[in-house]
Amino acid sequence: MYWDDAVIFGLVTVGLMVAFLVGWVGFIIHDHRHKGDKKS
């Protein structure tokens, strides 16, 4: 099966978006969870 440049670019873009969203949500949850422990 031949992979098109557009298909590869689309998969990479979606992968980066998903990774960014997961990392952002994880950071928000982590920051919110430790917000009351100690002041930054």
N, C-alpha and C. Protein backbone atom coordinates (compact mmCIF):
# COMPACT_ATOMS: atom_id res chain seq x y z
N MET A 1 0.85 -1.20 0.00
CA MET A 1 0.00 0.00 0.00
C MET A 1 0.88 1.24 0.00
N TYR A 2 0.56 2.15 -0.91
CA TYR A 2 1.37 3.37 -1.04
C TYR A 2 0.80 4.48 -0.17
N TRP A 3 1.68 5.05 0.65
CA TRP A 3 1.23 6.13 1.54
C TRP A 3 1.46 7.47 0.87
N ASP A 4 0.40 8.24 0.78
CA ASP A 4 0.48 9.54 0.15
C ASP A 4 1.10 10.55 1.12
N ASP A 5 1.70 11.59 0.58
CA ASP A 5 2.28 12.62 1.45
C ASP A 5 1.19 13.29 2.27
N ALA A 6 0.02 13.49 1.66
CA ALA A 6 -1.08 14.13 2.37
C ALA A 6 -1.57 13.24 3.52
N VAL A 7 -1.59 11.92 3.28
CA VAL A 7 -2.02 11.00 4.34
C VAL A 7 -1.04 11.02 5.50
N ILE A 8 0.25 10.97 5.17
CA ILE A 8 1.29 11.00 6.21
C ILE A 8 1.21 12.32 6.98
N PHE A 9 1.08 13.43 6.26
CA PHE A 9 1.01 14.73 6.90
C PHE A 9 -0.22 14.81 7.81
N GLY A 10 -1.33 14.26 7.35
CA GLY A 10 -2.56 14.28 8.15
C GLY A 10 -2.40 13.46 9.41
N LEU A 11 -1.80 12.28 9.29
CA LEU A 11 -1.61 11.42 10.46
C LEU A 11 -0.67 12.08 11.45
N VAL A 12 0.40 12.69 10.97
CA VAL A 12 1.35 13.37 11.86
C VAL A 12 0.67 14.54 12.55
N THR A 13 -0.13 15.30 11.80
CA THR A 13 -0.82 16.45 12.39
C THR A 13 -1.79 16.00 13.48
N VAL A 14 -2.58 14.97 13.18
CA VAL A 14 -3.53 14.46 14.17
C VAL A 14 -2.79 13.92 15.39
N GLY A 15 -1.70 13.21 15.15
CA GLY A 15 -0.92 12.66 16.27
C GLY A 15 -0.37 13.76 17.16
N LEU A 16 0.14 14.82 16.55
CA LEU A 16 0.67 15.93 17.33
C LEU A 16 -0.44 16.63 18.11
N MET A 17 -1.60 16.81 17.47
CA MET A 17 -2.73 17.45 18.15
C MET A 17 -3.18 16.62 19.36
N VAL A 18 -3.29 15.30 19.16
CA VAL A 18 -3.72 14.43 20.26
C VAL A 18 -2.69 14.46 21.39
N ALA A 19 -1.40 14.36 21.03
CA ALA A 19 -0.36 14.38 22.05
C ALA A 19 -0.38 15.70 22.81
N PHE A 20 -0.57 16.81 22.10
CA PHE A 20 -0.61 18.13 22.74
C PHE A 20 -1.80 18.23 23.68
N LEU A 21 -2.97 17.77 23.22
CA LEU A 21 -4.17 17.85 24.05
C LEU A 21 -4.03 16.99 25.30
N VAL A 22 -3.51 15.76 25.14
CA VAL A 22 -3.32 14.88 26.29
C VAL A 22 -2.34 15.50 27.29
N GLY A 23 -1.26 16.05 26.78
CA GLY A 23 -0.27 16.68 27.66
C GLY A 23 -0.85 17.90 28.36
N TRP A 24 -1.64 18.70 27.64
CA TRP A 24 -2.24 19.91 28.21
C TRP A 24 -3.25 19.55 29.29
N VAL A 25 -4.11 18.58 28.99
CA VAL A 25 -5.11 18.15 29.98
C VAL A 25 -4.43 17.56 31.21
N GLY A 26 -3.39 16.75 30.98
CA GLY A 26 -2.66 16.16 32.10
C GLY A 26 -2.01 17.23 32.96
N PHE A 27 -1.46 18.27 32.32
CA PHE A 27 -0.84 19.36 33.06
C PHE A 27 -1.87 20.13 33.88
N ILE A 28 -3.05 20.38 33.28
CA ILE A 28 -4.11 21.09 33.99
C ILE A 28 -4.57 20.28 35.21
N ILE A 29 -4.78 18.98 35.02
CA ILE A 29 -5.22 18.13 36.13
C ILE A 29 -4.15 18.10 37.22
N HIS A 30 -2.89 17.94 36.82
CA HIS A 30 -1.79 17.88 37.79
C HIS A 30 -1.68 19.20 38.55
N ASP A 31 -1.77 20.32 37.82
CA ASP A 31 -1.66 21.63 38.45
C ASP A 31 -2.84 21.87 39.38
N HIS A 32 -4.04 21.49 38.96
CA HIS A 32 -5.23 21.70 39.78
C HIS A 32 -5.18 20.82 41.03
N ARG A 33 -4.67 19.61 40.87
CA ARG A 33 -4.62 18.67 41.99
C ARG A 33 -3.64 19.15 43.06
N HIS A 34 -2.54 19.78 42.66
CA HIS A 34 -1.52 20.22 43.62
C HIS A 34 -1.62 21.71 43.92
N LYS A 35 -2.75 22.32 43.56
CA LYS A 35 -2.88 23.77 43.74
C LYS A 35 -2.91 24.12 45.23
N GLY A 36 -3.52 23.27 46.06
CA GLY A 36 -3.70 23.60 47.47
C GLY A 36 -2.56 23.11 48.35
N ASP A 37 -1.64 22.33 47.78
CA ASP A 37 -0.57 21.79 48.63
C ASP A 37 0.42 22.86 49.04
N LYS A 38 0.95 23.57 48.05
CA LYS A 38 1.92 24.60 48.37
C LYS A 38 1.83 25.74 47.37
N LYS A 39 2.08 26.95 47.83
CA LYS A 39 1.99 28.11 46.94
C LYS A 39 3.22 28.20 46.06
N SER A 40 3.02 28.54 44.79
CA SER A 40 4.13 28.66 43.86
C SER A 40 4.67 30.07 43.87
